[in-house]
């Protein structure tokens, strides 16, 4: 299915219900919850690794083909899971301002 266009990954990571969605030019191509692949109800404390792999494989692309990632999560928990200190968190997860997405889009 791999095709030219702008690919975006949406990831939900938190204490439960991890999931991934893959969009091509704004259209949802595939989405799946982590629990469907791990067979663990609600995928408690599981990052959406299998869900991400499933979505990329379905579309026939790799992470190198992805143009952007949207995170739906408790960003404090995500920063802790990623091992980010407070400075790194504000640099890598600067989502406290509602207009952050528009600044990124303009780049």
Protein backbone atom coordinates (compact mmCIF):
# COMPACT_ATOMS: atom_id res chain seq x y z
CA UNK A 1 0.00 0.00 0.00
CA UNK A 2 2.97 2.36 0.44
CA UNK A 3 2.28 5.51 -1.48
CA UNK A 4 3.69 9.01 -1.65
CA UNK A 5 2.05 11.56 0.56
CA UNK A 6 2.37 12.78 4.13
CA UNK A 7 2.18 10.03 6.74
CA UNK A 8 1.22 10.78 10.34
CA UNK A 9 1.16 8.47 13.32
CA UNK A 10 -1.17 9.02 16.27
CA UNK A 11 -0.12 7.27 19.47
CA UNK A 12 -1.99 6.95 22.73
CA UNK A 13 0.17 5.90 25.63
CA UNK A 14 -0.80 6.04 29.25
CA UNK A 15 -1.62 3.63 32.01
CA UNK A 16 -4.14 1.78 29.81
CA UNK A 17 -5.75 1.65 26.36
CA UNK A 18 -2.58 2.20 24.32
CA UNK A 19 -3.30 2.51 20.60
CA UNK A 20 -1.94 3.63 17.25
CA UNK A 21 -3.51 5.21 14.17
CA UNK A 22 -1.82 5.85 10.84
CA UNK A 23 -3.00 8.61 8.53
CA UNK A 24 -2.07 9.43 4.95
CA UNK A 25 -2.72 13.04 3.98
CA UNK A 26 -5.25 13.30 6.83
CA UNK A 27 -7.19 10.11 6.02
CA UNK A 28 -7.12 7.25 8.52
CA UNK A 29 -5.54 4.23 6.85
CA UNK A 30 -5.42 1.88 9.84
CA UNK A 31 -5.81 1.98 13.60
CA UNK A 32 -5.53 -0.66 16.29
CA UNK A 33 -5.49 -0.89 20.05
CA UNK A 34 -2.49 -2.52 21.70
CA UNK A 35 -4.76 -4.94 23.59
CA UNK A 36 -5.91 -6.53 20.31
CA UNK A 37 -2.36 -7.59 19.58
CA UNK A 38 -1.02 -8.38 23.05
CA UNK A 39 -4.27 -10.06 24.14
CA UNK A 40 -4.04 -8.24 27.48
CA UNK A 41 -7.33 -6.50 28.29
CA UNK A 42 -6.84 -2.70 28.30
CA UNK A 43 -3.08 -3.20 27.72
CA UNK A 44 -2.31 -1.86 31.20
CA UNK A 45 1.17 -0.25 31.33
CA UNK A 46 1.92 -1.38 27.75
CA UNK A 47 3.34 1.11 25.24
CA UNK A 48 1.73 0.85 21.78
CA UNK A 49 4.78 -0.83 20.25
CA UNK A 50 2.92 -3.75 18.66
CA UNK A 51 0.14 -1.42 17.48
CA UNK A 52 2.67 0.87 15.81
CA UNK A 53 4.42 -2.05 14.11
CA UNK A 54 1.08 -3.41 12.90
CA UNK A 55 0.07 -0.06 11.39
CA UNK A 56 3.42 0.46 9.65
CA UNK A 57 3.42 -3.10 8.30
CA UNK A 58 -0.17 -2.74 7.08
CA UNK A 59 0.78 0.34 5.06
CA UNK A 60 4.11 -1.08 3.91
CA UNK A 61 6.13 1.81 5.33
CA UNK A 62 8.79 2.32 8.01
CA UNK A 63 9.31 4.98 10.67
CA UNK A 64 11.59 6.78 8.22
CA UNK A 65 8.52 7.41 6.02
CA UNK A 66 6.55 9.11 8.81
CA UNK A 67 6.30 12.90 8.60
CA UNK A 68 4.85 13.57 12.04
CA UNK A 69 3.69 12.01 15.28
CA UNK A 70 0.77 13.12 17.46
CA UNK A 71 0.76 11.97 21.06
CA UNK A 72 -2.37 11.49 23.09
CA UNK A 73 -1.22 10.75 26.59
CA UNK A 74 -0.55 12.05 30.03
CA UNK A 75 2.59 13.91 29.03
CA UNK A 76 4.09 13.76 32.50
CA UNK A 77 3.77 9.96 32.47
CA UNK A 78 5.08 9.85 28.92
CA UNK A 79 8.10 11.97 29.84
CA UNK A 80 8.81 9.66 32.76
CA UNK A 81 8.48 6.59 30.52
CA UNK A 82 10.88 8.18 28.02
CA UNK A 83 13.30 9.08 30.84
CA UNK A 84 13.17 12.82 30.15
CA UNK A 85 14.23 15.34 32.78
CA UNK A 86 12.20 18.58 33.17
CA UNK A 87 14.27 20.53 30.64
CA UNK A 88 14.09 17.73 28.06
CA UNK A 89 10.34 17.40 28.69
CA UNK A 90 9.70 21.06 27.85
CA UNK A 91 11.87 20.78 24.73
CA UNK A 92 10.51 17.48 23.42
CA UNK A 93 6.94 17.61 24.71
CA UNK A 94 6.05 21.33 24.50
CA UNK A 95 2.31 20.77 24.51
CA UNK A 96 1.24 23.06 27.33
CA UNK A 97 0.25 25.82 24.89
CA UNK A 98 -2.84 25.21 22.73
CA UNK A 99 -1.14 26.73 19.67
CA UNK A 100 1.88 24.40 19.62
CA UNK A 101 0.51 22.44 16.65
CA UNK A 102 0.14 25.58 14.56
CA UNK A 103 3.74 26.61 15.25
CA UNK A 104 4.94 23.17 14.19
CA UNK A 105 2.80 23.20 11.04
CA UNK A 106 4.30 26.52 9.96
CA UNK A 107 7.87 25.20 10.00
